[in-house]
Amino acid sequence: TDNNITLYHKGGDWVQAKDLEVIVADTNSTRTYPLGNFTLSPPEKQVFDIGSSITVPYQDGDKQVRLVTPRAVLFSGEVK
């Protein structure tokens, strides 16, 4: 949307929400959103699995978004 970036879990293994970070970057800066700084839906599960979503704020100029754990990059893509 205009004010948010939302990532949807469409398939694959589940991940503990506490292990996730969302990294959003533009040409000049990088913002990191750990658990507590992103919105997990549904919030009561505390895992990111099929049907879940994560939402972080969008800022003008954002170019890239990544969903990461301490051991892996789960998603990397361009913001359009």
C-alpha atoms as a PDB file:
ATOM      1  CA  THR A   1       0.000   0.000   0.000  1.00  0.00           C
ATOM      2  CA  ASP A   2       1.033   3.658   0.028  1.00  0.00           C
ATOM      3  CA  ASN A   3       2.185   3.560   3.651  1.00  0.00           C
ATOM      4  CA  ASN A   4       3.193  -0.072   4.210  1.00  0.00           C
ATOM      5  CA  ILE A   5       5.051  -3.037   2.788  1.00  0.00           C
ATOM      6  CA  THR A   6       3.329  -6.349   3.479  1.00  0.00           C
ATOM      7  CA  LEU A   7       4.988  -9.747   3.072  1.00  0.00           C
ATOM      8  CA  TYR A   8       2.711 -12.803   2.836  1.00  0.00           C
ATOM      9  CA  HIS A   9       3.697 -16.390   3.639  1.00  0.00           C
ATOM     10  CA  LYS A  10       2.443 -18.385   0.646  1.00  0.00           C
ATOM     11  CA  GLY A  11       4.239 -21.695   1.227  1.00  0.00           C
ATOM     12  CA  GLY A  12       7.151 -23.486   2.817  1.00  0.00           C
ATOM     13  CA  ASP A  13       8.273 -24.003   6.386  1.00  0.00           C
ATOM     14  CA  TRP A  14       7.175 -21.856   9.304  1.00  0.00           C
ATOM     15  CA  VAL A  15       9.624 -19.620  11.182  1.00  0.00           C
ATOM     16  CA  GLN A  16       9.503 -18.312  14.750  1.00  0.00           C
ATOM     17  CA  ALA A  17       8.586 -14.614  14.583  1.00  0.00           C
ATOM     18  CA  LYS A  18      11.264 -13.808  17.181  1.00  0.00           C
ATOM     19  CA  ASP A  19      13.912 -14.961  14.671  1.00  0.00           C
ATOM     20  CA  LEU A  20      12.755 -12.631  11.876  1.00  0.00           C
ATOM     21  CA  GLU A  21      13.905  -9.189  10.824  1.00  0.00           C
ATOM     22  CA  VAL A  22      12.687  -7.099   7.918  1.00  0.00           C
ATOM     23  CA  ILE A  23      15.325  -4.878   6.309  1.00  0.00           C
ATOM     24  CA  VAL A  24      14.168  -2.013   4.097  1.00  0.00           C
ATOM     25  CA  ALA A  25      16.698   0.076   2.167  1.00  0.00           C
ATOM     26  CA  ASP A  26      16.767   3.092  -0.095  1.00  0.00           C
ATOM     27  CA  THR A  27      19.789   4.564  -1.848  1.00  0.00           C
ATOM     28  CA  ASN A  28      21.004   6.370   1.299  1.00  0.00           C
ATOM     29  CA  SER A  29      19.895   4.371   4.343  1.00  0.00           C
ATOM     30  CA  THR A  30      18.796   1.021   5.734  1.00  0.00           C
ATOM     31  CA  ARG A  31      16.096   0.413   8.345  1.00  0.00           C
ATOM     32  CA  THR A  32      15.794  -2.832  10.314  1.00  0.00           C
ATOM     33  CA  TYR A  33      12.534  -4.012  11.859  1.00  0.00           C
ATOM     34  CA  PRO A  34      12.885  -6.821  14.423  1.00  0.00           C
ATOM     35  CA  LEU A  35       9.915  -8.436  16.223  1.00  0.00           C
ATOM     36  CA  GLY A  36       7.995  -5.728  18.035  1.00  0.00           C
ATOM     37  CA  ASN A  37       8.739  -3.239  15.273  1.00  0.00           C
ATOM     38  CA  PHE A  38       6.742  -5.034  12.588  1.00  0.00           C
ATOM     39  CA  THR A  39       3.124  -6.158  12.608  1.00  0.00           C
ATOM     40  CA  LEU A  40       2.591  -9.926  12.500  1.00  0.00           C
ATOM     41  CA  SER A  41      -0.834 -11.161  11.490  1.00  0.00           C
ATOM     42  CA  PRO A  42      -2.340 -13.117  13.130  1.00  0.00           C
ATOM     43  CA  PRO A  43      -0.443 -11.897  16.223  1.00  0.00           C
ATOM     44  CA  GLU A  44      -1.461 -14.686  18.585  1.00  0.00           C
ATOM     45  CA  LYS A  45       0.545 -17.362  16.735  1.00  0.00           C
ATOM     46  CA  GLN A  46       4.045 -15.834  17.060  1.00  0.00           C
ATOM     47  CA  VAL A  47       5.141 -17.852  14.029  1.00  0.00           C
ATOM     48  CA  PHE A  48       5.303 -16.839  10.382  1.00  0.00           C
ATOM     49  CA  ASP A  49       3.582 -19.637   8.486  1.00  0.00           C
ATOM     50  CA  ILE A  50       1.121 -20.165   5.639  1.00  0.00           C
ATOM     51  CA  GLY A  51      -1.551 -17.498   5.798  1.00  0.00           C
ATOM     52  CA  SER A  52       0.515 -15.132   7.976  1.00  0.00           C
ATOM     53  CA  SER A  53       1.684 -11.686   6.975  1.00  0.00           C
ATOM     54  CA  ILE A  54       4.242  -9.141   8.167  1.00  0.00           C
ATOM     55  CA  THR A  55       3.742  -5.408   7.653  1.00  0.00           C
ATOM     56  CA  VAL A  56       6.360  -2.651   8.002  1.00  0.00           C
ATOM     57  CA  PRO A  57       6.198   1.078   7.233  1.00  0.00           C
ATOM     58  CA  TYR A  58       6.971   2.213   3.687  1.00  0.00           C
ATOM     59  CA  GLN A  59       8.858   5.444   3.036  1.00  0.00           C
ATOM     60  CA  ASP A  60       9.171   7.273  -0.290  1.00  0.00           C
ATOM     61  CA  GLY A  61      12.316   6.144  -2.049  1.00  0.00           C
ATOM     62  CA  ASP A  62      12.416   2.632  -0.560  1.00  0.00           C
ATOM     63  CA  LYS A  63      14.072   0.361  -3.111  1.00  0.00           C
ATOM     64  CA  GLN A  64      14.631  -3.051  -1.512  1.00  0.00           C
ATOM     65  CA  VAL A  65      13.068  -5.246   1.159  1.00  0.00           C
ATOM     66  CA  ARG A  66      14.542  -8.397   2.716  1.00  0.00           C
ATOM     67  CA  LEU A  67      13.123 -10.869   5.223  1.00  0.00           C
ATOM     68  CA  VAL A  68      15.957 -12.492   7.160  1.00  0.00           C
ATOM     69  CA  THR A  69      16.772 -14.788  10.064  1.00  0.00           C
ATOM     70  CA  PRO A  70      20.175 -14.989  11.769  1.00  0.00           C
ATOM     71  CA  ARG A  71      21.064 -17.830   9.373  1.00  0.00           C
ATOM     72  CA  ALA A  72      19.305 -17.113   6.084  1.00  0.00           C
ATOM     73  CA  VAL A  73      17.705 -14.595   3.745  1.00  0.00           C
ATOM     74  CA  LEU A  74      14.129 -15.837   3.272  1.00  0.00           C
ATOM     75  CA  PHE A  75      13.055 -13.178   0.792  1.00  0.00           C
ATOM     76  CA  SER A  76      14.696 -10.346  -1.114  1.00  0.00           C
ATOM     77  CA  GLY A  77      12.904  -8.133  -3.568  1.00  0.00           C
ATOM     78  CA  GLU A  78      12.466  -4.697  -5.058  1.00  0.00           C
ATOM     79  CA  VAL A  79       9.815  -2.253  -3.897  1.00  0.00           C
ATOM     80  CA  LYS A  80       7.673  -1.048  -6.805  1.00  0.00           C
END
